Amino acid sequence: MLSPEELKSRKFSTVLAAGDLMTNRSHAVMEGSTQHIYLGYAYPGSGEADSVWMVKRVSLFEDGSMATKFAAGEARFEHAWSDHVSLTYA
C-alpha cells in the first residue's frame, strides 16, 4: 500500500483502479442551473483538513453537457477536502 507521501507525489488518471482502497468524499452543489459534484480521494485515515486529497469537480450543465476539472488543474494528492468548494479548478 502507498504511504501518504507517495500518494501526494503521484499523478493518477481520472479512474482510480484501487478506488475501493481510498477514503472517498462527495458533495453536490447547485450554482444557478449548473450542478457541481465534488469528488475527493485520499489515503485511508486522512483527515479532511489534511493536504493529502485529490479533488475533482464534475460540472453538469443545463444543456446536458459536462466537464471534469481537477483542483489546481492536476490530479495530485495535495489539497484539503475541507477546502473543496473554494479551490480553483482547471
N, C-alpha and C. Protein backbone atom coordinates (compact mmCIF):
# COMPACT_ATOMS: atom_id res chain seq x y z
N MET A 1 0.84 -1.17 0.00
CA MET A 1 0.00 0.00 0.00
C MET A 1 0.89 1.24 0.00
N LEU A 2 0.48 2.28 -0.70
CA LEU A 2 1.27 3.51 -0.79
C LEU A 2 1.11 4.34 0.47
N SER A 3 2.18 5.00 0.85
CA SER A 3 2.13 5.89 2.00
C SER A 3 1.51 7.22 1.57
N PRO A 4 1.07 8.05 2.52
CA PRO A 4 0.52 9.36 2.16
C PRO A 4 1.51 10.21 1.35
N GLU A 5 2.80 10.11 1.65
CA GLU A 5 3.80 10.88 0.91
C GLU A 5 3.90 10.41 -0.54
N GLU A 6 3.83 9.09 -0.75
CA GLU A 6 3.88 8.56 -2.11
C GLU A 6 2.64 8.97 -2.90
N LEU A 7 1.46 8.92 -2.26
CA LEU A 7 0.24 9.33 -2.94
C LEU A 7 0.30 10.80 -3.34
N LYS A 8 0.83 11.63 -2.48
CA LYS A 8 0.89 13.06 -2.74
C LYS A 8 1.76 13.37 -3.95
N SER A 9 2.78 12.59 -4.19
CA SER A 9 3.72 12.87 -5.27
C SER A 9 3.33 12.23 -6.60
N ARG A 10 2.34 11.37 -6.64
CA ARG A 10 1.98 10.66 -7.86
C ARG A 10 0.81 11.31 -8.57
N LYS A 11 0.78 11.15 -9.88
CA LYS A 11 -0.36 11.59 -10.68
C LYS A 11 -1.17 10.35 -11.03
N PHE A 12 -2.48 10.48 -10.96
CA PHE A 12 -3.37 9.38 -11.29
C PHE A 12 -4.32 9.82 -12.39
N SER A 13 -4.78 8.89 -13.19
CA SER A 13 -5.81 9.21 -14.18
C SER A 13 -7.13 9.44 -13.44
N THR A 14 -8.16 9.84 -14.18
CA THR A 14 -9.44 10.13 -13.55
C THR A 14 -10.12 8.88 -13.02
N VAL A 15 -9.69 7.72 -13.46
CA VAL A 15 -10.25 6.46 -12.97
C VAL A 15 -9.24 5.81 -12.04
N LEU A 16 -9.62 5.64 -10.80
CA LEU A 16 -8.71 5.00 -9.84
C LEU A 16 -9.03 3.51 -9.77
N ALA A 17 -8.11 2.69 -10.23
CA ALA A 17 -8.33 1.25 -10.23
C ALA A 17 -8.48 0.72 -8.81
N ALA A 18 -7.83 1.35 -7.86
CA ALA A 18 -7.90 0.90 -6.47
C ALA A 18 -8.80 1.82 -5.64
N GLY A 19 -9.82 2.38 -6.27
CA GLY A 19 -10.70 3.33 -5.61
C GLY A 19 -11.34 2.81 -4.34
N ASP A 20 -11.57 1.52 -4.27
CA ASP A 20 -12.18 0.96 -3.07
C ASP A 20 -11.19 0.91 -1.90
N LEU A 21 -9.91 1.19 -2.15
CA LEU A 21 -8.91 1.22 -1.10
C LEU A 21 -8.64 2.64 -0.62
N MET A 22 -9.37 3.60 -1.16
CA MET A 22 -9.17 5.00 -0.83
C MET A 22 -10.30 5.49 0.06
N THR A 23 -10.03 6.55 0.82
CA THR A 23 -11.08 7.27 1.52
C THR A 23 -11.74 8.17 0.48
N ASN A 24 -13.05 8.13 0.39
CA ASN A 24 -13.78 8.90 -0.62
C ASN A 24 -14.74 9.89 0.02
N ARG A 25 -14.89 11.04 -0.60
CA ARG A 25 -15.89 12.02 -0.19
C ARG A 25 -16.58 12.56 -1.44
N SER A 26 -17.84 12.97 -1.30
CA SER A 26 -18.55 13.61 -2.41
C SER A 26 -19.48 14.67 -1.84
N HIS A 27 -19.75 15.67 -2.68
CA HIS A 27 -20.61 16.78 -2.26
C HIS A 27 -21.16 17.42 -3.53
N ALA A 28 -22.47 17.61 -3.61
CA ALA A 28 -23.11 18.23 -4.77
C ALA A 28 -23.62 19.62 -4.40
N VAL A 29 -23.44 20.57 -5.31
CA VAL A 29 -23.85 21.96 -5.11
C VAL A 29 -24.49 22.47 -6.39
N MET A 30 -25.61 23.15 -6.26
CA MET A 30 -26.22 23.82 -7.41
C MET A 30 -25.73 25.26 -7.46
N GLU A 31 -25.30 25.69 -8.63
CA GLU A 31 -24.89 27.08 -8.86
C GLU A 31 -25.66 27.55 -10.09
N GLY A 32 -26.78 28.22 -9.83
CA GLY A 32 -27.67 28.58 -10.93
C GLY A 32 -28.26 27.31 -11.52
N SER A 33 -28.09 27.12 -12.84
CA SER A 33 -28.61 25.92 -13.49
C SER A 33 -27.54 24.84 -13.66
N THR A 34 -26.37 25.05 -13.07
CA THR A 34 -25.26 24.10 -13.16
C THR A 34 -25.09 23.36 -11.84
N GLN A 35 -24.99 22.04 -11.94
CA GLN A 35 -24.73 21.23 -10.75
C GLN A 35 -23.25 20.86 -10.73
N HIS A 36 -22.58 21.14 -9.61
CA HIS A 36 -21.18 20.76 -9.43
C HIS A 36 -21.15 19.59 -8.44
N ILE A 37 -20.47 18.53 -8.83
CA ILE A 37 -20.28 17.38 -7.95
C ILE A 37 -18.78 17.30 -7.65
N TYR A 38 -18.46 17.45 -6.38
CA TYR A 38 -17.07 17.41 -5.94
C TYR A 38 -16.77 15.99 -5.45
N LEU A 39 -15.64 15.45 -5.89
CA LEU A 39 -15.21 14.11 -5.50
C LEU A 39 -13.80 14.19 -4.95
N GLY A 40 -13.60 13.60 -3.78
CA GLY A 40 -12.29 13.62 -3.15
C GLY A 40 -11.81 12.23 -2.83
N TYR A 41 -10.50 12.02 -2.98
CA TYR A 41 -9.87 10.72 -2.72
C TYR A 41 -8.62 10.95 -1.88
N ALA A 42 -8.42 10.12 -0.87
CA ALA A 42 -7.23 10.23 -0.03
C ALA A 42 -6.87 8.88 0.55
N TYR A 43 -5.68 8.81 1.12
CA TYR A 43 -5.19 7.63 1.81
C TYR A 43 -6.11 7.34 3.01
N PRO A 44 -6.45 6.10 3.26
CA PRO A 44 -7.32 5.78 4.40
C PRO A 44 -6.82 6.38 5.71
N GLY A 45 -7.72 6.97 6.46
CA GLY A 45 -7.39 7.57 7.74
C GLY A 45 -7.01 9.04 7.66
N SER A 46 -6.98 9.60 6.44
CA SER A 46 -6.63 11.01 6.29
C SER A 46 -7.73 11.90 6.84
N GLY A 47 -7.33 12.99 7.47
CA GLY A 47 -8.29 13.96 7.96
C GLY A 47 -8.74 14.88 6.83
N GLU A 48 -9.95 15.40 6.93
CA GLU A 48 -10.48 16.26 5.86
C GLU A 48 -9.72 17.57 5.74
N ALA A 49 -9.03 18.00 6.78
CA ALA A 49 -8.24 19.24 6.73
C ALA A 49 -6.79 19.00 6.32
N ASP A 50 -6.40 17.73 6.16
CA ASP A 50 -5.04 17.39 5.75
C ASP A 50 -4.86 17.65 4.25
N SER A 51 -3.72 18.17 3.86
CA SER A 51 -3.45 18.46 2.44
C SER A 51 -2.94 17.21 1.73
N VAL A 52 -3.77 16.18 1.69
CA VAL A 52 -3.40 14.89 1.09
C VAL A 52 -4.52 14.36 0.18
N TRP A 53 -5.42 15.24 -0.24
CA TRP A 53 -6.57 14.83 -1.04
C TRP A 53 -6.40 15.18 -2.51
N MET A 54 -6.85 14.28 -3.39
CA MET A 54 -7.03 14.61 -4.80
C MET A 54 -8.50 14.98 -4.93
N VAL A 55 -8.76 16.16 -5.47
CA VAL A 55 -10.13 16.66 -5.56
C VAL A 55 -10.45 17.00 -7.01
N LYS A 56 -11.60 16.53 -7.48
CA LYS A 56 -12.05 16.91 -8.81
C LYS A 56 -13.49 17.38 -8.74
N ARG A 57 -13.86 18.18 -9.73
CA ARG A 57 -15.23 18.71 -9.81
C ARG A 57 -15.81 18.32 -11.15
N VAL A 58 -16.97 17.68 -11.12
CA VAL A 58 -17.71 17.35 -12.32
C VAL A 58 -18.86 18.34 -12.40
N SER A 59 -18.93 19.11 -13.49
CA SER A 59 -19.99 20.10 -13.67
C SER A 59 -20.97 19.59 -14.70
N LEU A 60 -22.25 19.57 -14.33
CA LEU A 60 -23.32 19.14 -15.23
C LEU A 60 -24.12 20.38 -15.62
N PHE A 61 -24.11 20.70 -16.92
CA PHE A 61 -24.73 21.91 -17.40
C PHE A 61 -26.17 21.66 -17.87
N GLU A 62 -26.93 22.72 -17.95
CA GLU A 62 -28.35 22.64 -18.31
C GLU A 62 -28.57 22.00 -19.67
N ASP A 63 -27.63 22.19 -20.61
CA ASP A 63 -27.78 21.62 -21.95
C ASP A 63 -27.42 20.13 -22.02
N GLY A 64 -27.07 19.54 -20.86
CA GLY A 64 -26.74 18.12 -20.82
C GLY A 64 -25.25 17.82 -20.94
N SER A 65 -24.45 18.83 -21.23
CA SER A 65 -23.01 18.61 -21.33
C SER A 65 -22.39 18.59 -19.93
N MET A 66 -21.16 18.14 -19.87
CA MET A 66 -20.46 18.06 -18.58
C MET A 66 -18.99 18.34 -18.78
N ALA A 67 -18.34 18.74 -17.69
CA ALA A 67 -16.90 19.00 -17.69
C ALA A 67 -16.31 18.48 -16.39
N THR A 68 -15.15 17.86 -16.49
CA THR A 68 -14.44 17.37 -15.31
C THR A 68 -13.13 18.14 -15.19
N LYS A 69 -12.91 18.75 -14.02
CA LYS A 69 -11.70 19.52 -13.77
C LYS A 69 -11.14 19.14 -12.41
N PHE A 70 -9.83 19.25 -12.29
CA PHE A 70 -9.15 18.94 -11.04
C PHE A 70 -8.74 20.22 -10.31
N ALA A 71 -8.66 20.14 -9.00
CA ALA A 71 -8.19 21.26 -8.20
C ALA A 71 -6.78 21.63 -8.68
N ALA A 72 -6.55 22.91 -8.91
CA ALA A 72 -5.27 23.44 -9.40
C ALA A 72 -4.88 22.85 -10.75
N GLY A 73 -5.83 22.22 -11.44
CA GLY A 73 -5.58 21.72 -12.79
C GLY A 73 -4.83 20.41 -12.90
N GLU A 74 -4.54 19.75 -11.76
CA GLU A 74 -3.79 18.49 -11.80
C GLU A 74 -4.36 17.48 -10.82
N ALA A 75 -4.28 16.21 -11.20
CA ALA A 75 -4.74 15.11 -10.34
C ALA A 75 -3.64 14.76 -9.35
N ARG A 76 -3.50 15.61 -8.32
CA ARG A 76 -2.45 15.41 -7.32
C ARG A 76 -3.06 15.36 -5.92
N PHE A 77 -2.44 14.60 -5.06
CA PHE A 77 -2.90 14.44 -3.67
C PHE A 77 -2.24 15.53 -2.81
N GLU A 78 -2.74 16.77 -2.92
CA GLU A 78 -2.11 17.88 -2.23
C GLU A 78 -3.10 18.93 -1.72
N HIS A 79 -4.36 18.58 -1.64
CA HIS A 79 -5.38 19.54 -1.22
C HIS A 79 -6.11 19.03 0.02
N ALA A 80 -6.78 19.94 0.71
CA ALA A 80 -7.60 19.58 1.86
C ALA A 80 -9.05 19.45 1.38
N TRP A 81 -9.70 18.35 1.73
CA TRP A 81 -11.10 18.18 1.36
C TRP A 81 -11.95 19.30 1.95
N SER A 82 -11.60 19.78 3.12
CA SER A 82 -12.39 20.83 3.76
C SER A 82 -12.40 22.12 2.94
N ASP A 83 -11.51 22.26 1.96
CA ASP A 83 -11.46 23.44 1.09
C ASP A 83 -12.06 23.19 -0.30
N HIS A 84 -12.68 22.03 -0.54
CA HIS A 84 -13.04 21.63 -1.88
C HIS A 84 -13.90 22.63 -2.65
N VAL A 85 -14.80 23.34 -1.99
CA VAL A 85 -15.66 24.29 -2.70
C VAL A 85 -14.88 25.55 -3.11
N SER A 86 -13.91 25.96 -2.31
CA SER A 86 -13.19 27.21 -2.58
C SER A 86 -11.93 27.04 -3.44
N LEU A 87 -11.57 25.82 -3.77
CA LEU A 87 -10.39 25.60 -4.61
C LEU A 87 -10.62 26.07 -6.05
N THR A 88 -9.54 26.32 -6.77
CA THR A 88 -9.62 26.71 -8.18
C THR A 88 -9.49 25.45 -9.02
N TYR A 89 -10.40 25.29 -9.99
CA TYR A 89 -10.42 24.09 -10.83
C TYR A 89 -10.09 24.44 -12.27
N ALA A 90 -9.25 23.61 -12.88
CA ALA A 90 -8.86 23.82 -14.28
C ALA A 90 -8.68 22.49 -14.98
